[in-house]
Amino acid sequence: MKKTFKLIDLDCANCAAKMQAAIQKLDGVTSASVNFMTQKLTLEANDDIFDEVLKNAADCIRKVEPDCKIKM
């Protein structure tokens, strides 16, 4: 499954790159992209574990930029 989510309060291109690198290392992630210009996260993972992967991705985002949230 591949989905795109809006990111709220993503303030820094460097932070976006750090988030993308951390999310790509998560178990179950097929691909991940964090675009600072469009303020979007594109996440691809297996359907059966997608919700768990999304939760872990949100944790990665909070570690890099605590104010940034995924709009679902």
PDB file of N, CA and C in Angstrom:
ATOM      1  N   MET A   1       0.850  -1.166   0.000  1.00  0.00           N
ATOM      2  CA  MET A   1       0.000   0.000   0.000  1.00  0.00           C
ATOM      3  C   MET A   1       0.896   1.228   0.000  1.00  0.00           C
ATOM      4  N   LYS A   2       0.513   2.214  -0.789  1.00  0.00           N
ATOM      5  CA  LYS A   2       1.250   3.472  -0.858  1.00  0.00           C
ATOM      6  C   LYS A   2       0.276   4.613  -0.592  1.00  0.00           C
ATOM      7  N   LYS A   3       0.618   5.454   0.378  1.00  0.00           N
ATOM      8  CA  LYS A   3      -0.244   6.579   0.733  1.00  0.00           C
ATOM      9  C   LYS A   3       0.597   7.833   0.929  1.00  0.00           C
ATOM     10  N   THR A   4      -0.047   8.972   0.714  1.00  0.00           N
ATOM     11  CA  THR A   4       0.598  10.268   0.915  1.00  0.00           C
ATOM     12  C   THR A   4      -0.144  11.019   2.009  1.00  0.00           C
ATOM     13  N   PHE A   5       0.622  11.621   2.915  1.00  0.00           N
ATOM     14  CA  PHE A   5       0.064  12.343   4.056  1.00  0.00           C
ATOM     15  C   PHE A   5       0.626  13.754   4.098  1.00  0.00           C
ATOM     16  N   LYS A   6      -0.183  14.697   4.526  1.00  0.00           N
ATOM     17  CA  LYS A   6       0.240  16.084   4.729  1.00  0.00           C
ATOM     18  C   LYS A   6       0.968  16.170   6.067  1.00  0.00           C
ATOM     19  N   LEU A   7       2.081  16.883   6.081  1.00  0.00           N
ATOM     20  CA  LEU A   7       2.816  17.117   7.319  1.00  0.00           C
ATOM     21  C   LEU A   7       2.528  18.529   7.804  1.00  0.00           C
ATOM     22  N   ILE A   8       2.204  18.656   9.064  1.00  0.00           N
ATOM     23  CA  ILE A   8       1.890  19.945   9.678  1.00  0.00           C
ATOM     24  C   ILE A   8       3.109  20.423  10.476  1.00  0.00           C
ATOM     25  N   ASP A   9       3.525  21.658  10.262  1.00  0.00           N
ATOM     26  CA  ASP A   9       4.637  22.294  10.976  1.00  0.00           C
ATOM     27  C   ASP A   9       5.999  21.668  10.680  1.00  0.00           C
ATOM     28  N   LEU A  10       6.241  21.278   9.435  1.00  0.00           N
ATOM     29  CA  LEU A  10       7.576  20.857   9.018  1.00  0.00           C
ATOM     30  C   LEU A  10       8.341  22.127   8.659  1.00  0.00           C
ATOM     31  N   ASP A  11       9.351  22.469   9.457  1.00  0.00           N
ATOM     32  CA  ASP A  11       9.984  23.783   9.353  1.00  0.00           C
ATOM     33  C   ASP A  11      11.327  23.808   8.638  1.00  0.00           C
ATOM     34  N   CYS A  12      11.914  22.648   8.327  1.00  0.00           N
ATOM     35  CA  CYS A  12      13.299  22.653   7.908  1.00  0.00           C
ATOM     36  C   CYS A  12      13.571  21.547   6.887  1.00  0.00           C
ATOM     37  N   ALA A  13      14.244  21.888   5.797  1.00  0.00           N
ATOM     38  CA  ALA A  13      14.568  20.895   4.765  1.00  0.00           C
ATOM     39  C   ALA A  13      15.541  19.844   5.302  1.00  0.00           C
ATOM     40  N   ASN A  14      16.455  20.265   6.149  1.00  0.00           N
ATOM     41  CA  ASN A  14      17.395  19.317   6.751  1.00  0.00           C
ATOM     42  C   ASN A  14      16.654  18.320   7.633  1.00  0.00           C
ATOM     43  N   CYS A  15      15.675  18.790   8.377  1.00  0.00           N
ATOM     44  CA  CYS A  15      14.870  17.899   9.221  1.00  0.00           C
ATOM     45  C   CYS A  15      14.086  16.904   8.347  1.00  0.00           C
ATOM     46  N   ALA A  16      13.578  17.370   7.221  1.00  0.00           N
ATOM     47  CA  ALA A  16      12.848  16.492   6.310  1.00  0.00           C
ATOM     48  C   ALA A  16      13.756  15.366   5.822  1.00  0.00           C
ATOM     49  N   ALA A  17      15.002  15.692   5.497  1.00  0.00           N
ATOM     50  CA  ALA A  17      15.960  14.676   5.049  1.00  0.00           C
ATOM     51  C   ALA A  17      16.260  13.674   6.158  1.00  0.00           C
ATOM     52  N   LYS A  18      16.400  14.163   7.392  1.00  0.00           N
ATOM     53  CA  LYS A  18      16.645  13.268   8.536  1.00  0.00           C
ATOM     54  C   LYS A  18      15.450  12.345   8.765  1.00  0.00           C
ATOM     55  N   MET A  19      14.246  12.900   8.663  1.00  0.00           N
ATOM     56  CA  MET A  19      13.027  12.089   8.831  1.00  0.00           C
ATOM     57  C   MET A  19      12.966  10.995   7.776  1.00  0.00           C
ATOM     58  N   GLN A  20      13.214  11.373   6.532  1.00  0.00           N
ATOM     59  CA  GLN A  20      13.158  10.408   5.442  1.00  0.00           C
ATOM     60  C   GLN A  20      14.159   9.276   5.662  1.00  0.00           C
ATOM     61  N   ALA A  21      15.375   9.607   6.054  1.00  0.00           N
ATOM     62  CA  ALA A  21      16.398   8.585   6.287  1.00  0.00           C
ATOM     63  C   ALA A  21      15.988   7.636   7.415  1.00  0.00           C
ATOM     64  N   ALA A  22      15.438   8.195   8.482  1.00  0.00           N
ATOM     65  CA  ALA A  22      15.021   7.360   9.624  1.00  0.00           C
ATOM     66  C   ALA A  22      13.843   6.463   9.255  1.00  0.00           C
ATOM     67  N   ILE A  23      12.877   6.984   8.524  1.00  0.00           N
ATOM     68  CA  ILE A  23      11.689   6.213   8.146  1.00  0.00           C
ATOM     69  C   ILE A  23      12.074   5.089   7.189  1.00  0.00           C
ATOM     70  N   GLN A  24      12.999   5.351   6.273  1.00  0.00           N
ATOM     71  CA  GLN A  24      13.418   4.328   5.318  1.00  0.00           C
ATOM     72  C   GLN A  24      14.077   3.133   5.995  1.00  0.00           C
ATOM     73  N   LYS A  25      14.625   3.333   7.187  1.00  0.00           N
ATOM     74  CA  LYS A  25      15.287   2.251   7.924  1.00  0.00           C
ATOM     75  C   LYS A  25      14.313   1.388   8.726  1.00  0.00           C
ATOM     76  N   LEU A  26      13.060   1.815   8.847  1.00  0.00           N
ATOM     77  CA  LEU A  26      12.082   1.066   9.635  1.00  0.00           C
ATOM     78  C   LEU A  26      11.757  -0.278   8.980  1.00  0.00           C
ATOM     79  N   ASP A  27      11.534  -1.292   9.812  1.00  0.00           N
ATOM     80  CA  ASP A  27      11.113  -2.597   9.302  1.00  0.00           C
ATOM     81  C   ASP A  27       9.756  -2.469   8.631  1.00  0.00           C
ATOM     82  N   GLY A  28       9.621  -3.080   7.471  1.00  0.00           N
ATOM     83  CA  GLY A  28       8.349  -3.084   6.764  1.00  0.00           C
ATOM     84  C   GLY A  28       8.173  -1.967   5.760  1.00  0.00           C
ATOM     85  N   VAL A  29       9.074  -0.980   5.754  1.00  0.00           N
ATOM     86  CA  VAL A  29       8.965   0.134   4.812  1.00  0.00           C
ATOM     87  C   VAL A  29       9.544  -0.288   3.463  1.00  0.00           C
ATOM     88  N   THR A  30       8.737  -0.186   2.416  1.00  0.00           N
ATOM     89  CA  THR A  30       9.199  -0.455   1.061  1.00  0.00           C
ATOM     90  C   THR A  30       9.886   0.783   0.502  1.00  0.00           C
ATOM     91  N   SER A  31       9.244   1.950   0.682  1.00  0.00           N
ATOM     92  CA  SER A  31       9.848   3.224   0.293  1.00  0.00           C
ATOM     93  C   SER A  31       9.214   4.343   1.111  1.00  0.00           C
ATOM     94  N   ALA A  32       9.987   5.411   1.267  1.00  0.00           N
ATOM     95  CA  ALA A  32       9.488   6.577   2.004  1.00  0.00           C
ATOM     96  C   ALA A  32      10.123   7.827   1.425  1.00  0.00           C
ATOM     97  N   SER A  33       9.332   8.888   1.367  1.00  0.00           N
ATOM     98  CA  SER A  33       9.821  10.166   0.856  1.00  0.00           C
ATOM     99  C   SER A  33       9.193  11.286   1.674  1.00  0.00           C
ATOM    100  N   VAL A  34      10.026  12.199   2.155  1.00  0.00           N
ATOM    101  CA  VAL A  34       9.542  13.385   2.860  1.00  0.00           C
ATOM    102  C   VAL A  34       9.945  14.583   2.014  1.00  0.00           C
ATOM    103  N   ASN A  35       8.954  15.314   1.499  1.00  0.00           N
ATOM    104  CA  ASN A  35       9.202  16.454   0.632  1.00  0.00           C
ATOM    105  C   ASN A  35       8.935  17.740   1.404  1.00  0.00           C
ATOM    106  N   PHE A  36      10.000  18.509   1.628  1.00  0.00           N
ATOM    107  CA  PHE A  36       9.866  19.749   2.385  1.00  0.00           C
ATOM    108  C   PHE A  36       9.039  20.788   1.626  1.00  0.00           C
ATOM    109  N   MET A  37       9.230  20.874   0.319  1.00  0.00           N
ATOM    110  CA  MET A  37       8.534  21.893  -0.473  1.00  0.00           C
ATOM    111  C   MET A  37       7.016  21.686  -0.478  1.00  0.00           C
ATOM    112  N   THR A  38       6.580  20.442  -0.592  1.00  0.00           N
ATOM    113  CA  THR A  38       5.137  20.176  -0.617  1.00  0.00           C
ATOM    114  C   THR A  38       4.588  19.828   0.755  1.00  0.00           C
ATOM    115  N   GLN A  39       5.493  19.673   1.745  1.00  0.00           N
ATOM    116  CA  GLN A  39       5.091  19.328   3.115  1.00  0.00           C
ATOM    117  C   GLN A  39       4.345  17.989   3.147  1.00  0.00           C
ATOM    118  N   LYS A  40       4.860  16.992   2.407  1.00  0.00           N
ATOM    119  CA  LYS A  40       4.174  15.703   2.325  1.00  0.00           C
ATOM    120  C   LYS A  40       5.104  14.532   2.601  1.00  0.00           C
ATOM    121  N   LEU A  41       4.513  13.509   3.184  1.00  0.00           N
ATOM    122  CA  LEU A  41       5.163  12.221   3.405  1.00  0.00           C
ATOM    123  C   LEU A  41       4.490  11.205   2.496  1.00  0.00           C
ATOM    124  N   THR A  42       5.275  10.510   1.688  1.00  0.00           N
ATOM    125  CA  THR A  42       4.762   9.402   0.893  1.00  0.00           C
ATOM    126  C   THR A  42       5.378   8.140   1.465  1.00  0.00           C
ATOM    127  N   LEU A  43       4.514   7.229   1.876  1.00  0.00           N
ATOM    128  CA  LEU A  43       4.953   6.015   2.570  1.00  0.00           C
ATOM    129  C   LEU A  43       4.389   4.797   1.865  1.00  0.00           C
ATOM    130  N   GLU A  44       5.256   3.823   1.634  1.00  0.00           N
ATOM    131  CA  GLU A  44       4.836   2.570   1.026  1.00  0.00           C
ATOM    132  C   GLU A  44       5.282   1.424   1.916  1.00  0.00           C
ATOM    133  N   ALA A  45       4.318   0.550   2.262  1.00  0.00           N
ATOM    134  CA  ALA A  45       4.595  -0.608   3.114  1.00  0.00           C
ATOM    135  C   ALA A  45       3.537  -1.675   2.829  1.00  0.00           C
ATOM    136  N   ASN A  46       3.762  -2.866   3.347  1.00  0.00           N
ATOM    137  CA  ASN A  46       2.794  -3.954   3.173  1.00  0.00           C
ATOM    138  C   ASN A  46       1.465  -3.594   3.820  1.00  0.00           C
ATOM    139  N   ASP A  47       0.366  -3.995   3.172  1.00  0.00           N
ATOM    140  CA  ASP A  47      -0.981  -3.678   3.667  1.00  0.00           C
ATOM    141  C   ASP A  47      -1.222  -4.168   5.091  1.00  0.00           C
ATOM    142  N   ASP A  48      -0.769  -5.378   5.395  1.00  0.00           N
ATOM    143  CA  ASP A  48      -1.088  -5.992   6.688  1.00  0.00           C
ATOM    144  C   ASP A  48      -0.392  -5.321   7.872  1.00  0.00           C
ATOM    145  N   ILE A  49       0.699  -4.586   7.636  1.00  0.00           N
ATOM    146  CA  ILE A  49       1.394  -3.916   8.743  1.00  0.00           C
ATOM    147  C   ILE A  49       1.464  -2.401   8.548  1.00  0.00           C
ATOM    148  N   PHE A  50       0.677  -1.875   7.616  1.00  0.00           N
ATOM    149  CA  PHE A  50       0.783  -0.459   7.268  1.00  0.00           C
ATOM    150  C   PHE A  50       0.527   0.456   8.464  1.00  0.00           C
ATOM    151  N   ASP A  51      -0.493   0.162   9.253  1.00  0.00           N
ATOM    152  CA  ASP A  51      -0.824   1.020  10.401  1.00  0.00           C
ATOM    153  C   ASP A  51       0.316   1.065  11.419  1.00  0.00           C
ATOM    154  N   GLU A  52       0.945  -0.076  11.652  1.00  0.00           N
ATOM    155  CA  GLU A  52       2.072  -0.135  12.592  1.00  0.00           C
ATOM    156  C   GLU A  52       3.268   0.659  12.041  1.00  0.00           C
ATOM    157  N   VAL A  53       3.537   0.502  10.746  1.00  0.00           N
ATOM    158  CA  VAL A  53       4.633   1.242  10.110  1.00  0.00           C
ATOM    159  C   VAL A  53       4.363   2.746  10.180  1.00  0.00           C
ATOM    160  N   LEU A  54       3.125   3.155   9.938  1.00  0.00           N
ATOM    161  CA  LEU A  54       2.766   4.571  10.005  1.00  0.00           C
ATOM    162  C   LEU A  54       2.974   5.124  11.416  1.00  0.00           C
ATOM    163  N   LYS A  55       2.615   4.353  12.423  1.00  0.00           N
ATOM    164  CA  LYS A  55       2.826   4.777  13.815  1.00  0.00           C
ATOM    165  C   LYS A  55       4.317   4.954  14.093  1.00  0.00           C
ATOM    166  N   ASN A  56       5.123   4.004  13.638  1.00  0.00           N
ATOM    167  CA  ASN A  56       6.573   4.097  13.832  1.00  0.00           C
ATOM    168  C   ASN A  56       7.162   5.284  13.068  1.00  0.00           C
ATOM    169  N   ALA A  57       6.625   5.562  11.886  1.00  0.00           N
ATOM    170  CA  ALA A  57       7.076   6.721  11.113  1.00  0.00           C
ATOM    171  C   ALA A  57       6.746   8.019  11.858  1.00  0.00           C
ATOM    172  N   ALA A  58       5.575   8.076  12.455  1.00  0.00           N
ATOM    173  CA  ALA A  58       5.188   9.265  13.239  1.00  0.00           C
ATOM    174  C   ALA A  58       6.139   9.463  14.414  1.00  0.00           C
ATOM    175  N   ASP A  59       6.565   8.358  15.033  1.00  0.00           N
ATOM    176  CA  ASP A  59       7.541   8.444  16.134  1.00  0.00           C
ATOM    177  C   ASP A  59       8.868   9.020  15.640  1.00  0.00           C
ATOM    178  N   CYS A  60       9.310   8.569  14.465  1.00  0.00           N
ATOM    179  CA  CYS A  60      10.557   9.095  13.879  1.00  0.00           C
ATOM    180  C   CYS A  60      10.443  10.592  13.623  1.00  0.00           C
ATOM    181  N   ILE A  61       9.310  11.007  13.108  1.00  0.00           N
ATOM    182  CA  ILE A  61       9.092  12.420  12.806  1.00  0.00           C
ATOM    183  C   ILE A  61       9.150  13.250  14.080  1.00  0.00           C
ATOM    184  N   ARG A  62       8.493  12.763  15.140  1.00  0.00           N
ATOM    185  CA  ARG A  62       8.497  13.495  16.418  1.00  0.00           C
ATOM    186  C   ARG A  62       9.890  13.594  17.016  1.00  0.00           C
ATOM    187  N   LYS A  63      10.718  12.559  16.846  1.00  0.00           N
ATOM    188  CA  LYS A  63      12.085  12.605  17.386  1.00  0.00           C
ATOM    189  C   LYS A  63      12.922  13.676  16.703  1.00  0.00           C
ATOM    190  N   VAL A  64      12.708  13.866  15.407  1.00  0.00           N
ATOM    191  CA  VAL A  64      13.486  14.872  14.667  1.00  0.00           C
ATOM    192  C   VAL A  64      12.929  16.267  14.889  1.00  0.00           C
ATOM    193  N   GLU A  65      11.612  16.404  14.808  1.00  0.00           N
ATOM    194  CA  GLU A  65      10.952  17.702  14.961  1.00  0.00           C
ATOM    195  C   GLU A  65       9.686  17.515  15.792  1.00  0.00           C
ATOM    196  N   PRO A  66       9.769  17.750  17.106  1.00  0.00           N
ATOM    197  CA  PRO A  66       8.654  17.437  18.017  1.00  0.00           C
ATOM    198  C   PRO A  66       7.322  18.095  17.674  1.00  0.00           C
ATOM    199  N   ASP A  67       7.315  19.251  17.014  1.00  0.00           N
ATOM    200  CA  ASP A  67       6.065  19.939  16.700  1.00  0.00           C
ATOM    201  C   ASP A  67       5.403  19.432  15.418  1.00  0.00           C
ATOM    202  N   CYS A  68       6.128  18.672  14.621  1.00  0.00           N
ATOM    203  CA  CYS A  68       5.610  18.197  13.331  1.00  0.00           C
ATOM    204  C   CYS A  68       4.679  17.014  13.533  1.00  0.00           C
ATOM    205  N   LYS A  69       3.559  17.040  12.816  1.00  0.00           N
ATOM    206  CA  LYS A  69       2.551  15.967  12.936  1.00  0.00           C
ATOM    207  C   LYS A  69       2.099  15.533  11.553  1.00  0.00           C
ATOM    208  N   ILE A  70       1.619  14.281  11.481  1.00  0.00           N
ATOM    209  CA  ILE A  70       1.044  13.756  10.248  1.00  0.00           C
ATOM    210  C   ILE A  70      -0.449  14.008  10.293  1.00  0.00           C
ATOM    211  N   LYS A  71      -0.975  14.669   9.264  1.00  0.00           N
ATOM    212  CA  LYS A  71      -2.429  14.878   9.172  1.00  0.00           C
ATOM    213  C   LYS A  71      -3.038  13.675   8.466  1.00  0.00           C
ATOM    214  N   MET A  72      -3.947  12.990   9.180  1.00  0.00           N
ATOM    215  CA  MET A  72      -4.539  11.775   8.625  1.00  0.00           C
ATOM    216  C   MET A  72      -5.966  11.999   8.211  1.00  0.00           C
TER     217      MET A  72
END
